Amino acid sequence: MPAVLLELGFMDSSVDVPIILTEKFADQCAASIVRVIAHRAKLPEKGESGPLYRVQVGAFNQRQNAEALLQKLKDAGYTDAFIT
């Protein structure tokens, strides 16, 4: 299986450490890693979609009722539906 070692800075560098500890740096690194993986896996590019909003569709005391609604949602094409 292929493997990759990423060096994103050096923890013993007085120049790198303040940068490494920022949220901006973490976001930039994560975005770059995702782009490379998607490119290597030949995944189609997605545009910026903006924020995602979650929708809850019911709360039940009995699991069988939740499972029945989940099946209705999946039959209707909601493939991301799940029970928590």
N, C-alpha and C. Protein backbone atom coordinates (compact mmCIF):
# COMPACT_ATOMS: atom_id res chain seq x y z
N MET A 1 0.85 -1.17 0.00
CA MET A 1 0.00 0.00 0.00
C MET A 1 0.90 1.24 0.00
N PRO A 2 0.59 2.21 -0.84
CA PRO A 2 1.39 3.43 -0.86
C PRO A 2 1.27 4.20 0.45
N ALA A 3 2.31 4.92 0.78
CA ALA A 3 2.30 5.73 2.00
C ALA A 3 2.98 7.07 1.71
N VAL A 4 2.66 8.05 2.52
CA VAL A 4 3.23 9.38 2.36
C VAL A 4 3.59 9.91 3.75
N LEU A 5 4.76 10.52 3.86
CA LEU A 5 5.17 11.20 5.08
C LEU A 5 5.14 12.69 4.79
N LEU A 6 4.37 13.43 5.56
CA LEU A 6 4.26 14.87 5.36
C LEU A 6 5.04 15.60 6.43
N GLU A 7 5.88 16.53 6.02
CA GLU A 7 6.54 17.43 6.96
C GLU A 7 5.96 18.80 6.74
N LEU A 8 5.27 19.29 7.74
CA LEU A 8 4.55 20.56 7.61
C LEU A 8 5.19 21.66 8.44
N GLY A 9 6.38 21.44 8.92
CA GLY A 9 7.09 22.40 9.74
C GLY A 9 7.91 21.66 10.78
N PHE A 10 8.68 22.40 11.50
CA PHE A 10 9.57 21.79 12.49
C PHE A 10 9.26 22.36 13.87
N MET A 11 8.93 21.48 14.81
CA MET A 11 8.54 21.89 16.15
C MET A 11 9.70 22.48 16.95
N ASP A 12 10.93 22.31 16.47
CA ASP A 12 12.07 22.88 17.20
C ASP A 12 12.56 24.18 16.55
N SER A 13 11.77 24.71 15.64
CA SER A 13 12.12 25.96 14.95
C SER A 13 11.33 27.13 15.54
N SER A 14 12.04 28.13 15.99
CA SER A 14 11.35 29.30 16.56
C SER A 14 10.58 30.07 15.49
N VAL A 15 10.91 29.84 14.23
CA VAL A 15 10.18 30.48 13.13
C VAL A 15 8.91 29.68 12.80
N ASP A 16 9.02 28.34 12.74
CA ASP A 16 7.89 27.50 12.34
C ASP A 16 6.81 27.37 13.40
N VAL A 17 7.19 27.25 14.66
CA VAL A 17 6.23 26.94 15.72
C VAL A 17 5.06 27.94 15.78
N PRO A 18 5.30 29.25 15.78
CA PRO A 18 4.15 30.16 15.84
C PRO A 18 3.21 30.00 14.64
N ILE A 19 3.76 29.64 13.50
CA ILE A 19 2.93 29.45 12.30
C ILE A 19 2.14 28.14 12.41
N ILE A 20 2.84 27.09 12.83
CA ILE A 20 2.21 25.76 12.94
C ILE A 20 1.01 25.79 13.88
N LEU A 21 1.07 26.60 14.91
CA LEU A 21 0.02 26.61 15.92
C LEU A 21 -1.21 27.44 15.55
N THR A 22 -1.23 28.01 14.36
CA THR A 22 -2.39 28.81 13.97
C THR A 22 -3.45 27.96 13.27
N GLU A 23 -4.68 28.37 13.43
CA GLU A 23 -5.79 27.68 12.77
C GLU A 23 -5.70 27.85 11.25
N LYS A 24 -5.24 29.00 10.81
CA LYS A 24 -5.09 29.26 9.37
C LYS A 24 -4.13 28.26 8.75
N PHE A 25 -3.01 28.00 9.40
CA PHE A 25 -2.03 27.05 8.89
C PHE A 25 -2.65 25.65 8.81
N ALA A 26 -3.36 25.25 9.87
CA ALA A 26 -4.00 23.93 9.89
C ALA A 26 -5.01 23.81 8.75
N ASP A 27 -5.81 24.84 8.53
CA ASP A 27 -6.80 24.83 7.44
C ASP A 27 -6.13 24.75 6.07
N GLN A 28 -5.05 25.51 5.89
CA GLN A 28 -4.33 25.48 4.61
C GLN A 28 -3.71 24.11 4.35
N CYS A 29 -3.11 23.53 5.39
CA CYS A 29 -2.51 22.19 5.23
C CYS A 29 -3.59 21.16 4.91
N ALA A 30 -4.69 21.20 5.65
CA ALA A 30 -5.77 20.23 5.42
C ALA A 30 -6.32 20.36 4.01
N ALA A 31 -6.54 21.59 3.56
CA ALA A 31 -7.09 21.80 2.22
C ALA A 31 -6.13 21.28 1.15
N SER A 32 -4.85 21.52 1.35
CA SER A 32 -3.85 21.04 0.38
C SER A 32 -3.80 19.53 0.34
N ILE A 33 -3.84 18.90 1.50
CA ILE A 33 -3.79 17.44 1.56
C ILE A 33 -5.02 16.85 0.88
N VAL A 34 -6.18 17.42 1.14
CA VAL A 34 -7.42 16.93 0.52
C VAL A 34 -7.35 17.07 -1.01
N ARG A 35 -6.85 18.22 -1.49
CA ARG A 35 -6.75 18.43 -2.94
C ARG A 35 -5.84 17.38 -3.58
N VAL A 36 -4.73 17.08 -2.95
CA VAL A 36 -3.79 16.10 -3.52
C VAL A 36 -4.42 14.71 -3.53
N ILE A 37 -5.05 14.33 -2.43
CA ILE A 37 -5.69 13.00 -2.37
C ILE A 37 -6.78 12.90 -3.43
N ALA A 38 -7.61 13.93 -3.54
CA ALA A 38 -8.69 13.92 -4.54
C ALA A 38 -8.12 13.84 -5.95
N HIS A 39 -7.04 14.57 -6.20
CA HIS A 39 -6.42 14.55 -7.53
C HIS A 39 -5.86 13.16 -7.83
N ARG A 40 -5.13 12.59 -6.88
CA ARG A 40 -4.52 11.27 -7.10
C ARG A 40 -5.58 10.18 -7.25
N ALA A 41 -6.71 10.35 -6.56
CA ALA A 41 -7.80 9.37 -6.65
C ALA A 41 -8.71 9.65 -7.84
N LYS A 42 -8.37 10.70 -8.62
CA LYS A 42 -9.14 11.10 -9.80
C LYS A 42 -10.61 11.38 -9.46
N LEU A 43 -10.82 12.03 -8.32
CA LEU A 43 -12.17 12.42 -7.93
C LEU A 43 -12.55 13.71 -8.65
N PRO A 44 -13.81 13.88 -8.99
CA PRO A 44 -14.22 15.13 -9.65
C PRO A 44 -14.10 16.30 -8.67
N GLU A 45 -13.77 17.46 -9.20
CA GLU A 45 -13.65 18.65 -8.36
C GLU A 45 -15.02 19.16 -7.98
N LYS A 46 -15.12 19.65 -6.76
CA LYS A 46 -16.35 20.26 -6.29
C LYS A 46 -16.07 21.73 -6.04
N GLY A 47 -17.04 22.56 -6.33
CA GLY A 47 -16.92 23.98 -6.04
C GLY A 47 -17.21 24.25 -4.58
N GLU A 48 -16.96 25.46 -4.19
CA GLU A 48 -17.30 25.86 -2.83
C GLU A 48 -18.81 25.80 -2.68
N SER A 49 -19.27 25.04 -1.72
CA SER A 49 -20.71 24.89 -1.54
C SER A 49 -21.25 25.73 -0.40
N GLY A 50 -20.39 26.36 0.35
CA GLY A 50 -20.84 27.15 1.49
C GLY A 50 -21.16 26.26 2.67
N PRO A 51 -21.82 26.80 3.67
CA PRO A 51 -22.10 26.01 4.88
C PRO A 51 -23.13 24.93 4.61
N LEU A 52 -23.05 23.88 5.41
CA LEU A 52 -24.04 22.80 5.35
C LEU A 52 -24.95 22.92 6.57
N TYR A 53 -26.19 22.62 6.38
CA TYR A 53 -27.16 22.69 7.46
C TYR A 53 -27.74 21.30 7.69
N ARG A 54 -27.87 20.91 8.94
CA ARG A 54 -28.41 19.60 9.27
C ARG A 54 -29.91 19.70 9.54
N VAL A 55 -30.62 18.64 9.17
CA VAL A 55 -32.06 18.59 9.40
C VAL A 55 -32.37 17.30 10.16
N GLN A 56 -33.03 17.44 11.28
CA GLN A 56 -33.45 16.26 12.04
C GLN A 56 -34.88 15.96 11.65
N VAL A 57 -35.17 14.68 11.44
CA VAL A 57 -36.50 14.31 10.97
C VAL A 57 -37.16 13.35 11.97
N GLY A 58 -37.25 13.74 13.21
CA GLY A 58 -38.01 12.94 14.16
C GLY A 58 -37.17 12.44 15.32
N ALA A 59 -37.85 12.19 16.42
CA ALA A 59 -37.25 11.59 17.61
C ALA A 59 -38.26 10.56 18.12
N PHE A 60 -37.78 9.38 18.43
CA PHE A 60 -38.69 8.28 18.77
C PHE A 60 -38.26 7.59 20.05
N ASN A 61 -39.24 7.09 20.79
CA ASN A 61 -38.96 6.29 21.99
C ASN A 61 -38.64 4.85 21.62
N GLN A 62 -39.13 4.40 20.49
CA GLN A 62 -38.92 3.02 20.08
C GLN A 62 -38.08 2.98 18.80
N ARG A 63 -37.01 2.19 18.84
CA ARG A 63 -36.09 2.11 17.71
C ARG A 63 -36.80 1.67 16.43
N GLN A 64 -37.78 0.77 16.54
CA GLN A 64 -38.45 0.27 15.33
C GLN A 64 -39.15 1.41 14.57
N ASN A 65 -39.65 2.41 15.30
CA ASN A 65 -40.27 3.56 14.63
C ASN A 65 -39.21 4.39 13.91
N ALA A 66 -38.06 4.55 14.53
CA ALA A 66 -36.97 5.28 13.88
C ALA A 66 -36.51 4.54 12.63
N GLU A 67 -36.40 3.22 12.73
CA GLU A 67 -35.97 2.42 11.58
C GLU A 67 -36.99 2.49 10.44
N ALA A 68 -38.27 2.53 10.78
CA ALA A 68 -39.31 2.62 9.74
C ALA A 68 -39.20 3.96 9.00
N LEU A 69 -39.01 5.05 9.74
CA LEU A 69 -38.87 6.35 9.09
C LEU A 69 -37.58 6.41 8.28
N LEU A 70 -36.51 5.83 8.81
CA LEU A 70 -35.25 5.80 8.07
C LEU A 70 -35.44 5.09 6.73
N GLN A 71 -36.16 3.99 6.73
CA GLN A 71 -36.39 3.27 5.48
C GLN A 71 -37.21 4.10 4.50
N LYS A 72 -38.22 4.82 5.01
CA LYS A 72 -39.01 5.71 4.13
C LYS A 72 -38.12 6.78 3.51
N LEU A 73 -37.23 7.36 4.31
CA LEU A 73 -36.33 8.39 3.80
C LEU A 73 -35.40 7.83 2.73
N LYS A 74 -34.85 6.65 2.98
CA LYS A 74 -33.95 6.03 2.00
C LYS A 74 -34.71 5.67 0.73
N ASP A 75 -35.94 5.20 0.87
CA ASP A 75 -36.75 4.88 -0.31
C ASP A 75 -37.05 6.13 -1.13
N ALA A 76 -37.10 7.28 -0.44
CA ALA A 76 -37.37 8.55 -1.11
C ALA A 76 -36.11 9.16 -1.71
N GLY A 77 -34.96 8.48 -1.52
CA GLY A 77 -33.73 8.95 -2.14
C GLY A 77 -32.78 9.70 -1.23
N TYR A 78 -33.08 9.77 0.06
CA TYR A 78 -32.19 10.45 1.00
C TYR A 78 -31.13 9.46 1.49
N THR A 79 -30.06 9.34 0.72
CA THR A 79 -29.04 8.31 0.99
C THR A 79 -28.17 8.63 2.21
N ASP A 80 -28.16 9.88 2.65
CA ASP A 80 -27.33 10.25 3.80
C ASP A 80 -28.06 10.15 5.13
N ALA A 81 -29.28 9.66 5.12
CA ALA A 81 -30.05 9.55 6.36
C ALA A 81 -29.47 8.46 7.25
N PHE A 82 -29.51 8.68 8.58
CA PHE A 82 -28.99 7.69 9.51
C PHE A 82 -29.64 7.86 10.87
N ILE A 83 -29.48 6.86 11.71
CA ILE A 83 -30.01 6.87 13.07
C ILE A 83 -28.85 7.09 14.02
N THR A 84 -29.04 8.02 14.98
CA THR A 84 -27.98 8.25 15.97
C THR A 84 -28.36 7.64 17.29
